[in-house]
Protein backbone atom coordinates (compact mmCIF):
# COMPACT_ATOMS: atom_id res chain seq x y z
CA UNK A 1 0.00 0.00 0.00
CA UNK A 2 2.93 2.32 0.57
CA UNK A 3 3.74 2.14 -3.14
CA UNK A 4 0.21 3.27 -3.97
CA UNK A 5 0.38 6.03 -1.38
CA UNK A 6 3.64 7.17 -2.93
CA UNK A 7 1.86 7.62 -6.26
CA UNK A 8 -1.38 9.05 -4.90
CA UNK A 9 -0.68 12.06 -2.69
CA UNK A 10 -4.15 11.75 -1.13
CA UNK A 11 -3.55 8.09 -0.26
CA UNK A 12 -5.72 7.62 2.82
CA UNK A 13 -8.57 9.64 1.33
CA UNK A 14 -8.39 7.56 -1.87
CA UNK A 15 -8.35 4.32 0.12
CA UNK A 16 -11.40 5.46 2.05
CA UNK A 17 -13.23 6.59 -1.11
CA UNK A 18 -12.58 3.23 -2.79
CA UNK A 19 -13.65 1.45 0.38
CA UNK A 20 -16.98 3.27 0.25
CA UNK A 21 -17.37 2.58 -3.46
CA UNK A 22 -16.83 -1.14 -2.78
CA UNK A 23 -19.38 -1.03 0.07
CA UNK A 24 -16.93 -1.79 2.87
CA UNK A 25 -18.55 0.80 5.17
CA UNK A 26 -19.27 -1.88 7.78
CA UNK A 27 -15.58 -2.95 7.83
CA UNK A 28 -14.05 0.52 7.46
CA UNK A 29 -16.60 3.08 8.68
CA UNK A 30 -14.03 5.90 8.61
CA UNK A 31 -10.43 6.77 7.68
CA UNK A 32 -9.21 5.98 11.18
CA UNK A 33 -10.35 2.37 10.88
CA UNK A 34 -8.25 1.95 7.72
CA UNK A 35 -5.31 3.63 9.45
CA UNK A 36 -5.57 1.25 12.41
CA UNK A 37 -5.52 -1.82 10.19
CA UNK A 38 -2.54 -0.49 8.23
CA UNK A 39 -0.71 -0.04 11.52
CA UNK A 40 -0.66 -3.80 12.05
CA UNK A 41 2.61 -3.70 10.13
CA UNK A 42 5.44 -4.30 12.65
CA UNK A 43 7.80 -2.16 10.55
CA UNK A 44 5.81 1.00 11.23
CA UNK A 45 6.68 3.52 13.94
CA UNK A 46 3.15 3.46 15.29
CA UNK A 47 2.79 -0.31 15.26
CA UNK A 48 -0.32 -1.63 16.97
CA UNK A 49 -0.31 -5.30 17.80
CA UNK A 50 -3.83 -6.28 16.81
CA UNK A 51 -4.93 -9.30 14.92
CA UNK A 52 -6.30 -8.33 11.57
CA UNK A 53 -9.62 -10.02 10.84
CA UNK A 54 -10.10 -12.04 7.66
CA UNK A 55 -12.77 -9.65 6.36
CA UNK A 56 -10.41 -6.68 6.93
CA UNK A 57 -7.59 -8.49 5.11
CA UNK A 58 -9.84 -9.34 2.16
CA UNK A 59 -11.21 -5.80 2.03
CA UNK A 60 -7.70 -4.31 2.01
CA UNK A 61 -6.71 -6.58 -0.86
CA UNK A 62 -9.80 -5.61 -2.85
CA UNK A 63 -9.19 -1.92 -2.14
CA UNK A 64 -5.54 -2.29 -3.17
CA UNK A 65 -6.50 -4.01 -6.43
CA UNK A 66 -9.09 -1.35 -7.24
CA UNK A 67 -6.66 1.47 -6.44
CA UNK A 68 -4.02 -0.25 -8.59
CA UNK A 69 -6.43 -0.32 -11.53
CA UNK A 70 -6.99 3.40 -11.11
CA UNK A 71 -3.25 4.16 -10.77
CA UNK A 72 -2.03 1.69 -13.42
CA UNK A 73 -1.11 4.37 -16.02
CA UNK A 74 1.15 5.99 -13.44
CA UNK A 75 2.64 2.65 -12.39
CA UNK A 76 3.42 1.89 -16.02
CA UNK A 77 5.00 5.31 -16.53
CA UNK A 78 7.19 4.87 -13.43
CA UNK A 79 8.37 1.44 -14.61
CA UNK A 80 9.09 2.79 -18.09
CA UNK A 81 11.04 5.69 -16.62
CA UNK A 82 13.31 3.23 -14.81
CA UNK A 83 14.05 1.52 -18.12
CA UNK A 84 14.69 4.75 -20.03
CA UNK A 85 16.88 6.76 -17.67
CA UNK A 86 18.03 9.19 -20.37
CA UNK A 87 14.57 10.54 -21.11
CA UNK A 88 12.48 9.96 -18.00
CA UNK A 89 14.77 9.66 -15.00
CA UNK A 90 13.00 12.57 -13.30
CA UNK A 91 9.85 10.45 -12.87
CA UNK A 92 11.76 7.54 -11.34
CA UNK A 93 13.85 9.84 -9.14
CA UNK A 94 10.79 11.71 -7.86
CA UNK A 95 8.96 8.48 -7.12
CA UNK A 96 11.96 6.93 -5.39
CA UNK A 97 12.56 10.09 -3.33
CA UNK A 98 8.93 10.24 -2.18
CA UNK A 99 8.92 6.50 -1.36
CA UNK A 100 12.06 6.90 0.73
CA UNK A 101 10.62 9.95 2.49
CA UNK A 102 7.45 8.02 3.37
CA UNK A 103 9.52 5.16 4.77
CA UNK A 104 11.56 7.56 6.90
CA UNK A 105 8.41 9.32 8.07
CA UNK A 106 6.29 6.25 8.89
CA UNK A 107 8.57 3.31 9.56
CA UNK A 108 10.84 2.30 12.43
CA UNK A 109 14.30 3.24 11.17
CA UNK A 110 16.00 0.93 13.69
CA UNK A 111 14.58 -2.15 12.01
CA UNK A 112 16.98 -4.08 9.77
CA UNK A 113 14.20 -4.66 7.24
CA UNK A 114 13.54 -0.92 7.05
CA UNK A 115 17.26 -0.23 6.65
CA UNK A 116 17.19 -2.63 3.71
CA UNK A 117 14.38 -0.57 2.18
CA UNK A 118 16.49 2.54 2.56
CA UNK A 119 19.53 0.92 0.91
CA UNK A 120 19.41 2.37 -2.61
CA UNK A 121 20.56 -0.83 -4.33
CA UNK A 122 18.00 -3.03 -2.57
CA UNK A 123 15.37 -0.28 -2.67
CA UNK A 124 15.24 -0.18 -6.48
CA UNK A 125 14.78 -3.95 -6.67
CA UNK A 126 12.02 -3.91 -4.04
CA UNK A 127 10.21 -1.04 -5.74
CA UNK A 128 10.38 -2.63 -9.18
CA UNK A 129 9.15 -5.99 -7.88
CA UNK A 130 6.32 -4.28 -5.98
CA UNK A 131 5.27 -2.22 -9.01
CA UNK A 132 5.35 -5.30 -11.25
CA UNK A 133 3.31 -7.29 -8.74
CA UNK A 134 0.72 -4.53 -8.57
CA UNK A 135 0.67 -4.31 -12.37
CA UNK A 136 -0.24 -7.98 -12.59
CA UNK A 137 -3.14 -7.43 -10.21
CA UNK A 138 -5.23 -5.24 -12.51
CA UNK A 139 -6.73 -8.23 -14.30
CA UNK A 140 -10.08 -9.82 -13.48
CA UNK A 141 -8.26 -12.30 -11.24
CA UNK A 142 -6.24 -9.51 -9.61
CA UNK A 143 -7.70 -10.07 -6.15
CA UNK A 144 -6.71 -13.75 -6.14
CA UNK A 145 -3.26 -13.02 -7.61
CA UNK A 146 -2.49 -10.43 -4.93
CA UNK A 147 -3.87 -12.63 -2.16
CA UNK A 148 -1.71 -15.57 -3.32
CA UNK A 149 1.33 -13.32 -3.56
CA UNK A 150 0.83 -12.05 -0.01
CA UNK A 151 0.40 -15.55 1.37
CA UNK A 152 3.57 -16.69 -0.40
CA UNK A 153 5.52 -13.64 0.77
C-alpha atoms as a PDB file:
ATOM      1  CA  UNK A   1       0.000   0.000   0.000  1.00  0.00           C
ATOM      2  CA  UNK A   2       2.927   2.323   0.572  1.00  0.00           C
ATOM      3  CA  UNK A   3       3.741   2.137  -3.142  1.00  0.00           C
ATOM      4  CA  UNK A   4       0.209   3.273  -3.973  1.00  0.00           C
ATOM      5  CA  UNK A   5       0.375   6.025  -1.381  1.00  0.00           C
ATOM      6  CA  UNK A   6       3.640   7.171  -2.931  1.00  0.00           C
ATOM      7  CA  UNK A   7       1.865   7.624  -6.263  1.00  0.00           C
ATOM      8  CA  UNK A   8      -1.383   9.051  -4.904  1.00  0.00           C
ATOM      9  CA  UNK A   9      -0.675  12.056  -2.692  1.00  0.00           C
ATOM     10  CA  UNK A  10      -4.150  11.746  -1.132  1.00  0.00           C
ATOM     11  CA  UNK A  11      -3.549   8.094  -0.258  1.00  0.00           C
ATOM     12  CA  UNK A  12      -5.715   7.624   2.821  1.00  0.00           C
ATOM     13  CA  UNK A  13      -8.571   9.636   1.327  1.00  0.00           C
ATOM     14  CA  UNK A  14      -8.393   7.559  -1.873  1.00  0.00           C
ATOM     15  CA  UNK A  15      -8.354   4.324   0.118  1.00  0.00           C
ATOM     16  CA  UNK A  16     -11.403   5.456   2.052  1.00  0.00           C
ATOM     17  CA  UNK A  17     -13.233   6.586  -1.107  1.00  0.00           C
ATOM     18  CA  UNK A  18     -12.585   3.235  -2.793  1.00  0.00           C
ATOM     19  CA  UNK A  19     -13.649   1.452   0.378  1.00  0.00           C
ATOM     20  CA  UNK A  20     -16.977   3.274   0.255  1.00  0.00           C
ATOM     21  CA  UNK A  21     -17.375   2.576  -3.465  1.00  0.00           C
ATOM     22  CA  UNK A  22     -16.830  -1.145  -2.782  1.00  0.00           C
ATOM     23  CA  UNK A  23     -19.381  -1.032   0.066  1.00  0.00           C
ATOM     24  CA  UNK A  24     -16.931  -1.786   2.870  1.00  0.00           C
ATOM     25  CA  UNK A  25     -18.549   0.799   5.173  1.00  0.00           C
ATOM     26  CA  UNK A  26     -19.266  -1.881   7.777  1.00  0.00           C
ATOM     27  CA  UNK A  27     -15.585  -2.952   7.830  1.00  0.00           C
ATOM     28  CA  UNK A  28     -14.046   0.525   7.456  1.00  0.00           C
ATOM     29  CA  UNK A  29     -16.605   3.076   8.676  1.00  0.00           C
ATOM     30  CA  UNK A  30     -14.029   5.904   8.610  1.00  0.00           C
ATOM     31  CA  UNK A  31     -10.434   6.771   7.682  1.00  0.00           C
ATOM     32  CA  UNK A  32      -9.209   5.984  11.182  1.00  0.00           C
ATOM     33  CA  UNK A  33     -10.354   2.368  10.878  1.00  0.00           C
ATOM     34  CA  UNK A  34      -8.254   1.949   7.722  1.00  0.00           C
ATOM     35  CA  UNK A  35      -5.311   3.631   9.446  1.00  0.00           C
ATOM     36  CA  UNK A  36      -5.572   1.250  12.408  1.00  0.00           C
ATOM     37  CA  UNK A  37      -5.525  -1.825  10.190  1.00  0.00           C
ATOM     38  CA  UNK A  38      -2.543  -0.493   8.233  1.00  0.00           C
ATOM     39  CA  UNK A  39      -0.708  -0.041  11.523  1.00  0.00           C
ATOM     40  CA  UNK A  40      -0.664  -3.800  12.052  1.00  0.00           C
ATOM     41  CA  UNK A  41       2.613  -3.698  10.126  1.00  0.00           C
ATOM     42  CA  UNK A  42       5.435  -4.297  12.653  1.00  0.00           C
ATOM     43  CA  UNK A  43       7.805  -2.163  10.549  1.00  0.00           C
ATOM     44  CA  UNK A  44       5.805   1.001  11.234  1.00  0.00           C
ATOM     45  CA  UNK A  45       6.681   3.516  13.943  1.00  0.00           C
ATOM     46  CA  UNK A  46       3.149   3.457  15.288  1.00  0.00           C
ATOM     47  CA  UNK A  47       2.794  -0.314  15.255  1.00  0.00           C
ATOM     48  CA  UNK A  48      -0.316  -1.629  16.971  1.00  0.00           C
ATOM     49  CA  UNK A  49      -0.314  -5.301  17.799  1.00  0.00           C
ATOM     50  CA  UNK A  50      -3.829  -6.278  16.812  1.00  0.00           C
ATOM     51  CA  UNK A  51      -4.930  -9.299  14.915  1.00  0.00           C
ATOM     52  CA  UNK A  52      -6.305  -8.333  11.571  1.00  0.00           C
ATOM     53  CA  UNK A  53      -9.616 -10.020  10.837  1.00  0.00           C
ATOM     54  CA  UNK A  54     -10.103 -12.037   7.657  1.00  0.00           C
ATOM     55  CA  UNK A  55     -12.767  -9.650   6.358  1.00  0.00           C
ATOM     56  CA  UNK A  56     -10.410  -6.682   6.928  1.00  0.00           C
ATOM     57  CA  UNK A  57      -7.587  -8.487   5.110  1.00  0.00           C
ATOM     58  CA  UNK A  58      -9.840  -9.342   2.156  1.00  0.00           C
ATOM     59  CA  UNK A  59     -11.214  -5.802   2.029  1.00  0.00           C
ATOM     60  CA  UNK A  60      -7.704  -4.311   2.009  1.00  0.00           C
ATOM     61  CA  UNK A  61      -6.707  -6.584  -0.861  1.00  0.00           C
ATOM     62  CA  UNK A  62      -9.800  -5.608  -2.850  1.00  0.00           C
ATOM     63  CA  UNK A  63      -9.188  -1.918  -2.139  1.00  0.00           C
ATOM     64  CA  UNK A  64      -5.542  -2.294  -3.174  1.00  0.00           C
ATOM     65  CA  UNK A  65      -6.501  -4.012  -6.432  1.00  0.00           C
ATOM     66  CA  UNK A  66      -9.087  -1.350  -7.235  1.00  0.00           C
ATOM     67  CA  UNK A  67      -6.663   1.469  -6.443  1.00  0.00           C
ATOM     68  CA  UNK A  68      -4.021  -0.250  -8.594  1.00  0.00           C
ATOM     69  CA  UNK A  69      -6.431  -0.324 -11.530  1.00  0.00           C
ATOM     70  CA  UNK A  70      -6.990   3.401 -11.113  1.00  0.00           C
ATOM     71  CA  UNK A  71      -3.253   4.161 -10.775  1.00  0.00           C
ATOM     72  CA  UNK A  72      -2.030   1.693 -13.425  1.00  0.00           C
ATOM     73  CA  UNK A  73      -1.111   4.366 -16.022  1.00  0.00           C
ATOM     74  CA  UNK A  74       1.149   5.991 -13.436  1.00  0.00           C
ATOM     75  CA  UNK A  75       2.640   2.650 -12.390  1.00  0.00           C
ATOM     76  CA  UNK A  76       3.423   1.889 -16.022  1.00  0.00           C
ATOM     77  CA  UNK A  77       5.002   5.306 -16.526  1.00  0.00           C
ATOM     78  CA  UNK A  78       7.189   4.870 -13.434  1.00  0.00           C
ATOM     79  CA  UNK A  79       8.366   1.444 -14.615  1.00  0.00           C
ATOM     80  CA  UNK A  80       9.093   2.790 -18.086  1.00  0.00           C
ATOM     81  CA  UNK A  81      11.040   5.688 -16.617  1.00  0.00           C
ATOM     82  CA  UNK A  82      13.313   3.226 -14.806  1.00  0.00           C
ATOM     83  CA  UNK A  83      14.049   1.518 -18.118  1.00  0.00           C
ATOM     84  CA  UNK A  84      14.692   4.750 -20.027  1.00  0.00           C
ATOM     85  CA  UNK A  85      16.880   6.756 -17.667  1.00  0.00           C
ATOM     86  CA  UNK A  86      18.035   9.193 -20.372  1.00  0.00           C
ATOM     87  CA  UNK A  87      14.566  10.544 -21.112  1.00  0.00           C
ATOM     88  CA  UNK A  88      12.477   9.956 -17.997  1.00  0.00           C
ATOM     89  CA  UNK A  89      14.769   9.656 -14.999  1.00  0.00           C
ATOM     90  CA  UNK A  90      12.999  12.566 -13.303  1.00  0.00           C
ATOM     91  CA  UNK A  91       9.848  10.453 -12.872  1.00  0.00           C
ATOM     92  CA  UNK A  92      11.763   7.540 -11.338  1.00  0.00           C
ATOM     93  CA  UNK A  93      13.852   9.836  -9.141  1.00  0.00           C
ATOM     94  CA  UNK A  94      10.794  11.709  -7.864  1.00  0.00           C
ATOM     95  CA  UNK A  95       8.955   8.477  -7.125  1.00  0.00           C
ATOM     96  CA  UNK A  96      11.960   6.930  -5.387  1.00  0.00           C
ATOM     97  CA  UNK A  97      12.559  10.089  -3.334  1.00  0.00           C
ATOM     98  CA  UNK A  98       8.932  10.238  -2.185  1.00  0.00           C
ATOM     99  CA  UNK A  99       8.918   6.504  -1.363  1.00  0.00           C
ATOM    100  CA  UNK A 100      12.063   6.902   0.730  1.00  0.00           C
ATOM    101  CA  UNK A 101      10.618   9.951   2.493  1.00  0.00           C
ATOM    102  CA  UNK A 102       7.453   8.024   3.371  1.00  0.00           C
ATOM    103  CA  UNK A 103       9.516   5.159   4.768  1.00  0.00           C
ATOM    104  CA  UNK A 104      11.560   7.555   6.902  1.00  0.00           C
ATOM    105  CA  UNK A 105       8.414   9.315   8.074  1.00  0.00           C
ATOM    106  CA  UNK A 106       6.292   6.255   8.886  1.00  0.00           C
ATOM    107  CA  UNK A 107       8.569   3.306   9.558  1.00  0.00           C
ATOM    108  CA  UNK A 108      10.839   2.295  12.429  1.00  0.00           C
ATOM    109  CA  UNK A 109      14.299   3.243  11.174  1.00  0.00           C
ATOM    110  CA  UNK A 110      16.003   0.930  13.692  1.00  0.00           C
ATOM    111  CA  UNK A 111      14.583  -2.153  12.009  1.00  0.00           C
ATOM    112  CA  UNK A 112      16.981  -4.081   9.766  1.00  0.00           C
ATOM    113  CA  UNK A 113      14.198  -4.659   7.239  1.00  0.00           C
ATOM    114  CA  UNK A 114      13.545  -0.923   7.047  1.00  0.00           C
ATOM    115  CA  UNK A 115      17.263  -0.231   6.647  1.00  0.00           C
ATOM    116  CA  UNK A 116      17.186  -2.629   3.709  1.00  0.00           C
ATOM    117  CA  UNK A 117      14.377  -0.570   2.175  1.00  0.00           C
ATOM    118  CA  UNK A 118      16.494   2.545   2.557  1.00  0.00           C
ATOM    119  CA  UNK A 119      19.532   0.923   0.911  1.00  0.00           C
ATOM    120  CA  UNK A 120      19.412   2.368  -2.615  1.00  0.00           C
ATOM    121  CA  UNK A 121      20.561  -0.832  -4.329  1.00  0.00           C
ATOM    122  CA  UNK A 122      17.999  -3.029  -2.567  1.00  0.00           C
ATOM    123  CA  UNK A 123      15.371  -0.283  -2.672  1.00  0.00           C
ATOM    124  CA  UNK A 124      15.242  -0.184  -6.485  1.00  0.00           C
ATOM    125  CA  UNK A 125      14.782  -3.946  -6.668  1.00  0.00           C
ATOM    126  CA  UNK A 126      12.019  -3.912  -4.043  1.00  0.00           C
ATOM    127  CA  UNK A 127      10.214  -1.035  -5.743  1.00  0.00           C
ATOM    128  CA  UNK A 128      10.381  -2.626  -9.182  1.00  0.00           C
ATOM    129  CA  UNK A 129       9.150  -5.987  -7.881  1.00  0.00           C
ATOM    130  CA  UNK A 130       6.318  -4.276  -5.982  1.00  0.00           C
ATOM    131  CA  UNK A 131       5.271  -2.223  -9.008  1.00  0.00           C
ATOM    132  CA  UNK A 132       5.347  -5.297 -11.250  1.00  0.00           C
ATOM    133  CA  UNK A 133       3.306  -7.290  -8.741  1.00  0.00           C
ATOM    134  CA  UNK A 134       0.724  -4.528  -8.574  1.00  0.00           C
ATOM    135  CA  UNK A 135       0.674  -4.305 -12.375  1.00  0.00           C
ATOM    136  CA  UNK A 136      -0.237  -7.975 -12.593  1.00  0.00           C
ATOM    137  CA  UNK A 137      -3.144  -7.434 -10.214  1.00  0.00           C
ATOM    138  CA  UNK A 138      -5.233  -5.241 -12.509  1.00  0.00           C
ATOM    139  CA  UNK A 139      -6.734  -8.228 -14.300  1.00  0.00           C
ATOM    140  CA  UNK A 140     -10.082  -9.822 -13.483  1.00  0.00           C
ATOM    141  CA  UNK A 141      -8.258 -12.305 -11.244  1.00  0.00           C
ATOM    142  CA  UNK A 142      -6.243  -9.510  -9.610  1.00  0.00           C
ATOM    143  CA  UNK A 143      -7.695 -10.073  -6.149  1.00  0.00           C
ATOM    144  CA  UNK A 144      -6.714 -13.747  -6.137  1.00  0.00           C
ATOM    145  CA  UNK A 145      -3.265 -13.017  -7.607  1.00  0.00           C
ATOM    146  CA  UNK A 146      -2.489 -10.435  -4.931  1.00  0.00           C
ATOM    147  CA  UNK A 147      -3.866 -12.628  -2.157  1.00  0.00           C
ATOM    148  CA  UNK A 148      -1.712 -15.567  -3.320  1.00  0.00           C
ATOM    149  CA  UNK A 149       1.325 -13.322  -3.556  1.00  0.00           C
ATOM    150  CA  UNK A 150       0.832 -12.053  -0.014  1.00  0.00           C
ATOM    151  CA  UNK A 151       0.396 -15.554   1.373  1.00  0.00           C
ATOM    152  CA  UNK A 152       3.573 -16.693  -0.396  1.00  0.00           C
ATOM    153  CA  UNK A 153       5.516 -13.637   0.772  1.00  0.00           C
END
